[in-house]
Amino acid sequence: MKKFDELPEGIKKNILDLHYNKNLQYFNTTIIIIFTYFIGLIIALLTKQINLFDNGQLYLLALISIVVLSILSILLLYFKGNMKKIITEISKLNI
């Protein structure tokens, strides 16, 4: 099997396009998960499933929110960085 550097420029571009689309799909899915989390949180607050006056529930909610949103933010930055690298690689190709 040929190494990536030995492939023709057109095939390299197609492979990089596929990787870009994969990262874009992951990026968009992460954004959808973030919005779904906020919508679920708002619904839970409006239906009083979460008691705003109970410190234990608020601490637990804050902890879960920080963990979930931190992981999703890191993933967003990772996928965005990968997309920028792929665009740079595509621009270096002689097509």
C-alpha atoms as a PDB file:
ATOM      1  CA  MET A   1       0.000   0.000   0.000  1.00  0.00           C
ATOM      2  CA  LYS A   2       1.274   3.455  -0.919  1.00  0.00           C
ATOM      3  CA  LYS A   3       2.128   6.017   1.702  1.00  0.00           C
ATOM      4  CA  PHE A   4       0.081   9.216   1.760  1.00  0.00           C
ATOM      5  CA  ASP A   5       3.017  11.280   0.442  1.00  0.00           C
ATOM      6  CA  GLU A   6       3.356   9.010  -2.604  1.00  0.00           C
ATOM      7  CA  LEU A   7      -0.273   9.408  -3.729  1.00  0.00           C
ATOM      8  CA  PRO A   8      -1.267  11.711  -6.600  1.00  0.00           C
ATOM      9  CA  GLU A   9      -2.375  15.230  -5.606  1.00  0.00           C
ATOM     10  CA  GLY A  10      -6.005  14.642  -6.613  1.00  0.00           C
ATOM     11  CA  ILE A  11      -6.323  11.579  -4.412  1.00  0.00           C
ATOM     12  CA  LYS A  12      -4.657  13.419  -1.513  1.00  0.00           C
ATOM     13  CA  LYS A  13      -7.206  16.217  -1.855  1.00  0.00           C
ATOM     14  CA  ASN A  14     -10.100  13.749  -1.847  1.00  0.00           C
ATOM     15  CA  ILE A  15      -8.769  12.016   1.278  1.00  0.00           C
ATOM     16  CA  LEU A  16      -8.255  15.361   3.041  1.00  0.00           C
ATOM     17  CA  ASP A  17     -11.781  16.434   2.017  1.00  0.00           C
ATOM     18  CA  LEU A  18     -13.163  13.272   3.606  1.00  0.00           C
ATOM     19  CA  HIS A  19     -11.239  13.950   6.826  1.00  0.00           C
ATOM     20  CA  TYR A  20     -12.445  17.570   6.810  1.00  0.00           C
ATOM     21  CA  ASN A  21     -16.070  16.486   6.395  1.00  0.00           C
ATOM     22  CA  LYS A  22     -15.690  13.941   9.208  1.00  0.00           C
ATOM     23  CA  ASN A  23     -14.345  16.601  11.581  1.00  0.00           C
ATOM     24  CA  LEU A  24     -17.041  19.047  10.480  1.00  0.00           C
ATOM     25  CA  GLN A  25     -19.704  16.455  11.261  1.00  0.00           C
ATOM     26  CA  TYR A  26     -18.205  15.851  14.723  1.00  0.00           C
ATOM     27  CA  PHE A  27     -18.001  19.626  15.293  1.00  0.00           C
ATOM     28  CA  ASN A  28     -21.665  20.122  14.362  1.00  0.00           C
ATOM     29  CA  THR A  29     -22.751  17.160  16.497  1.00  0.00           C
ATOM     30  CA  THR A  30     -20.904  18.622  19.494  1.00  0.00           C
ATOM     31  CA  ILE A  31     -22.723  21.942  19.035  1.00  0.00           C
ATOM     32  CA  ILE A  32     -26.062  20.111  18.854  1.00  0.00           C
ATOM     33  CA  ILE A  33     -25.232  18.246  22.078  1.00  0.00           C
ATOM     34  CA  ILE A  34     -24.438  21.541  23.837  1.00  0.00           C
ATOM     35  CA  PHE A  35     -27.737  23.102  22.754  1.00  0.00           C
ATOM     36  CA  THR A  36     -29.632  19.946  23.735  1.00  0.00           C
ATOM     37  CA  TYR A  37     -28.017  20.060  27.176  1.00  0.00           C
ATOM     38  CA  PHE A  38     -29.097  23.676  27.675  1.00  0.00           C
ATOM     39  CA  ILE A  39     -32.621  22.982  26.436  1.00  0.00           C
ATOM     40  CA  GLY A  40     -32.894  20.001  28.805  1.00  0.00           C
ATOM     41  CA  LEU A  41     -31.612  22.132  31.649  1.00  0.00           C
ATOM     42  CA  ILE A  42     -34.145  24.884  30.908  1.00  0.00           C
ATOM     43  CA  ILE A  43     -36.983  22.354  30.710  1.00  0.00           C
ATOM     44  CA  ALA A  44     -35.884  20.817  34.025  1.00  0.00           C
ATOM     45  CA  LEU A  45     -35.868  24.247  35.650  1.00  0.00           C
ATOM     46  CA  LEU A  46     -39.247  25.258  34.205  1.00  0.00           C
ATOM     47  CA  THR A  47     -40.931  22.019  35.274  1.00  0.00           C
ATOM     48  CA  LYS A  48     -39.311  22.331  38.713  1.00  0.00           C
ATOM     49  CA  GLN A  49     -37.471  19.023  38.437  1.00  0.00           C
ATOM     50  CA  ILE A  50     -34.500  20.931  39.845  1.00  0.00           C
ATOM     51  CA  ASN A  51     -35.060  22.794  43.096  1.00  0.00           C
ATOM     52  CA  LEU A  52     -33.162  26.095  42.996  1.00  0.00           C
ATOM     53  CA  PHE A  53     -33.302  26.394  46.776  1.00  0.00           C
ATOM     54  CA  ASP A  54     -31.649  23.040  47.494  1.00  0.00           C
ATOM     55  CA  ASN A  55     -27.901  23.589  47.748  1.00  0.00           C
ATOM     56  CA  GLY A  56     -27.111  19.906  47.206  1.00  0.00           C
ATOM     57  CA  GLN A  57     -28.948  19.843  43.881  1.00  0.00           C
ATOM     58  CA  LEU A  58     -27.344  23.086  42.775  1.00  0.00           C
ATOM     59  CA  TYR A  59     -23.831  21.872  43.613  1.00  0.00           C
ATOM     60  CA  LEU A  60     -24.449  18.620  41.776  1.00  0.00           C
ATOM     61  CA  LEU A  61     -25.906  20.485  38.800  1.00  0.00           C
ATOM     62  CA  ALA A  62     -22.937  22.856  38.745  1.00  0.00           C
ATOM     63  CA  LEU A  63     -20.461  19.974  38.919  1.00  0.00           C
ATOM     64  CA  ILE A  64     -22.164  18.024  36.140  1.00  0.00           C
ATOM     65  CA  SER A  65     -22.489  21.151  33.997  1.00  0.00           C
ATOM     66  CA  ILE A  66     -18.833  22.066  34.427  1.00  0.00           C
ATOM     67  CA  VAL A  67     -17.685  18.553  33.518  1.00  0.00           C
ATOM     68  CA  VAL A  68     -20.002  18.180  30.520  1.00  0.00           C
ATOM     69  CA  LEU A  69     -19.398  21.654  29.124  1.00  0.00           C
ATOM     70  CA  SER A  70     -15.632  21.411  29.674  1.00  0.00           C
ATOM     71  CA  ILE A  71     -15.398  18.160  27.750  1.00  0.00           C
ATOM     72  CA  LEU A  72     -17.581  19.479  24.951  1.00  0.00           C
ATOM     73  CA  SER A  73     -15.595  22.719  24.749  1.00  0.00           C
ATOM     74  CA  ILE A  74     -12.323  20.802  24.502  1.00  0.00           C
ATOM     75  CA  LEU A  75     -13.809  18.650  21.754  1.00  0.00           C
ATOM     76  CA  LEU A  76     -14.998  21.746  19.869  1.00  0.00           C
ATOM     77  CA  LEU A  77     -11.518  23.238  19.975  1.00  0.00           C
ATOM     78  CA  TYR A  78      -9.946  19.932  18.916  1.00  0.00           C
ATOM     79  CA  PHE A  79     -12.231  19.489  15.915  1.00  0.00           C
ATOM     80  CA  LYS A  80     -11.849  23.147  14.903  1.00  0.00           C
ATOM     81  CA  GLY A  81      -8.059  22.803  15.064  1.00  0.00           C
ATOM     82  CA  ASN A  82      -8.159  19.659  12.939  1.00  0.00           C
ATOM     83  CA  MET A  83     -10.284  21.422  10.332  1.00  0.00           C
ATOM     84  CA  LYS A  84      -7.807  24.312  10.159  1.00  0.00           C
ATOM     85  CA  LYS A  85      -4.897  21.873   9.727  1.00  0.00           C
ATOM     86  CA  ILE A  86      -6.709  20.090   6.906  1.00  0.00           C
ATOM     87  CA  ILE A  87      -7.458  23.368   5.119  1.00  0.00           C
ATOM     88  CA  THR A  88      -3.768  24.256   5.392  1.00  0.00           C
ATOM     89  CA  GLU A  89      -2.782  20.853   3.967  1.00  0.00           C
ATOM     90  CA  ILE A  90      -5.239  21.230   1.068  1.00  0.00           C
ATOM     91  CA  SER A  91      -3.877  24.684   0.244  1.00  0.00           C
ATOM     92  CA  LYS A  92      -0.340  23.241   0.033  1.00  0.00           C
ATOM     93  CA  LEU A  93      -1.371  20.763  -2.675  1.00  0.00           C
ATOM     94  CA  ASN A  94      -0.501  21.557  -6.290  1.00  0.00           C
ATOM     95  CA  ILE A  95      -3.915  21.224  -7.905  1.00  0.00           C
END
